[in-house]
Amino acid sequence: MKALGRGEPARAGERLVAALVGVVIAGLVALVPAVGWLFCLALALAGLGALTARWLRPAFFA
């Protein structure tokens, strides 16, 4: 959202819409035959890294 010049969504509905737009875009890119699977792999690894950083980050970064 920052890339579009907007802040993070504050309400749950706005977050849901942002997540759905992201899923649709990721799904469309995944349909590209040559690079779609690479995109899905990179997206999964980025998500796993974000979850790991969130769960294991020290308290002083919070």
C-alpha atoms as a PDB file:
ATOM      1  CA  MET A   1       0.000   0.000   0.000  1.00  0.00           C
ATOM      2  CA  LYS A   2       2.906   2.332   0.623  1.00  0.00           C
ATOM      3  CA  ALA A   3       3.959   1.908  -3.008  1.00  0.00           C
ATOM      4  CA  LEU A   4       0.606   3.384  -4.022  1.00  0.00           C
ATOM      5  CA  GLY A   5       1.014   6.315  -1.675  1.00  0.00           C
ATOM      6  CA  ARG A   6      -1.520   5.001   0.839  1.00  0.00           C
ATOM      7  CA  GLY A   7      -1.068   3.900   4.420  1.00  0.00           C
ATOM      8  CA  GLU A   8      -1.965   0.537   5.848  1.00  0.00           C
ATOM      9  CA  PRO A   9      -5.686  -0.222   6.007  1.00  0.00           C
ATOM     10  CA  ALA A  10      -7.130   0.557   9.433  1.00  0.00           C
ATOM     11  CA  ARG A  11     -10.394  -1.363   9.291  1.00  0.00           C
ATOM     12  CA  ALA A  12     -10.897  -5.092   8.829  1.00  0.00           C
ATOM     13  CA  GLY A  13     -12.927  -4.584   5.657  1.00  0.00           C
ATOM     14  CA  GLU A  14     -10.165  -2.577   4.030  1.00  0.00           C
ATOM     15  CA  ARG A  15      -7.630  -5.244   4.978  1.00  0.00           C
ATOM     16  CA  LEU A  16      -9.861  -7.926   3.493  1.00  0.00           C
ATOM     17  CA  VAL A  17     -10.160  -6.047   0.202  1.00  0.00           C
ATOM     18  CA  ALA A  18      -6.385  -5.495   0.075  1.00  0.00           C
ATOM     19  CA  ALA A  19      -5.771  -9.197   0.744  1.00  0.00           C
ATOM     20  CA  LEU A  20      -8.258 -10.265  -1.931  1.00  0.00           C
ATOM     21  CA  VAL A  21      -6.689  -7.959  -4.501  1.00  0.00           C
ATOM     22  CA  GLY A  22      -3.279  -9.402  -3.665  1.00  0.00           C
ATOM     23  CA  VAL A  23      -4.548 -12.968  -3.984  1.00  0.00           C
ATOM     24  CA  VAL A  24      -6.164 -12.252  -7.352  1.00  0.00           C
ATOM     25  CA  ILE A  25      -2.999 -10.616  -8.707  1.00  0.00           C
ATOM     26  CA  ALA A  26      -0.830 -13.473  -7.399  1.00  0.00           C
ATOM     27  CA  GLY A  27      -3.199 -16.002  -8.941  1.00  0.00           C
ATOM     28  CA  LEU A  28      -3.060 -14.297 -12.320  1.00  0.00           C
ATOM     29  CA  VAL A  29       0.741 -14.112 -12.284  1.00  0.00           C
ATOM     30  CA  ALA A  30       0.877 -17.784 -11.273  1.00  0.00           C
ATOM     31  CA  LEU A  31      -0.897 -18.687 -14.527  1.00  0.00           C
ATOM     32  CA  VAL A  32       2.092 -17.556 -16.608  1.00  0.00           C
ATOM     33  CA  PRO A  33       3.620 -20.834 -17.790  1.00  0.00           C
ATOM     34  CA  ALA A  34       7.347 -20.103 -17.643  1.00  0.00           C
ATOM     35  CA  VAL A  35       7.660 -18.085 -14.445  1.00  0.00           C
ATOM     36  CA  GLY A  36       4.418 -18.642 -12.574  1.00  0.00           C
ATOM     37  CA  TRP A  37       5.765 -21.429 -10.400  1.00  0.00           C
ATOM     38  CA  LEU A  38       8.865 -19.388  -9.565  1.00  0.00           C
ATOM     39  CA  PHE A  39       6.661 -16.502  -8.495  1.00  0.00           C
ATOM     40  CA  CYS A  40       4.589 -18.814  -6.282  1.00  0.00           C
ATOM     41  CA  LEU A  41       7.737 -20.247  -4.719  1.00  0.00           C
ATOM     42  CA  ALA A  42       9.160 -16.778  -4.032  1.00  0.00           C
ATOM     43  CA  LEU A  43       5.834 -15.629  -2.607  1.00  0.00           C
ATOM     44  CA  ALA A  44       5.612 -18.645  -0.302  1.00  0.00           C
ATOM     45  CA  LEU A  45       9.193 -18.191   0.923  1.00  0.00           C
ATOM     46  CA  ALA A  46       8.640 -14.474   1.533  1.00  0.00           C
ATOM     47  CA  GLY A  47       5.495 -15.239   3.511  1.00  0.00           C
ATOM     48  CA  LEU A  48       7.250 -17.919   5.524  1.00  0.00           C
ATOM     49  CA  GLY A  49      10.107 -15.538   6.268  1.00  0.00           C
ATOM     50  CA  ALA A  50       7.702 -12.812   7.369  1.00  0.00           C
ATOM     51  CA  LEU A  51       5.871 -15.206   9.694  1.00  0.00           C
ATOM     52  CA  THR A  52       9.137 -16.499  11.136  1.00  0.00           C
ATOM     53  CA  ALA A  53      10.424 -12.976  11.741  1.00  0.00           C
ATOM     54  CA  ARG A  54       7.144 -12.031  13.395  1.00  0.00           C
ATOM     55  CA  TRP A  55       7.141 -15.067  15.711  1.00  0.00           C
ATOM     56  CA  LEU A  56      10.825 -15.061  16.616  1.00  0.00           C
ATOM     57  CA  ARG A  57      11.637 -11.370  16.766  1.00  0.00           C
ATOM     58  CA  PRO A  58      12.958 -10.105  20.089  1.00  0.00           C
ATOM     59  CA  ALA A  59      10.652  -8.016  22.260  1.00  0.00           C
ATOM     60  CA  PHE A  60      12.720  -4.845  21.897  1.00  0.00           C
ATOM     61  CA  PHE A  61      11.883  -4.663  18.176  1.00  0.00           C
ATOM     62  CA  ALA A  62       8.149  -4.653  18.883  1.00  0.00           C
END
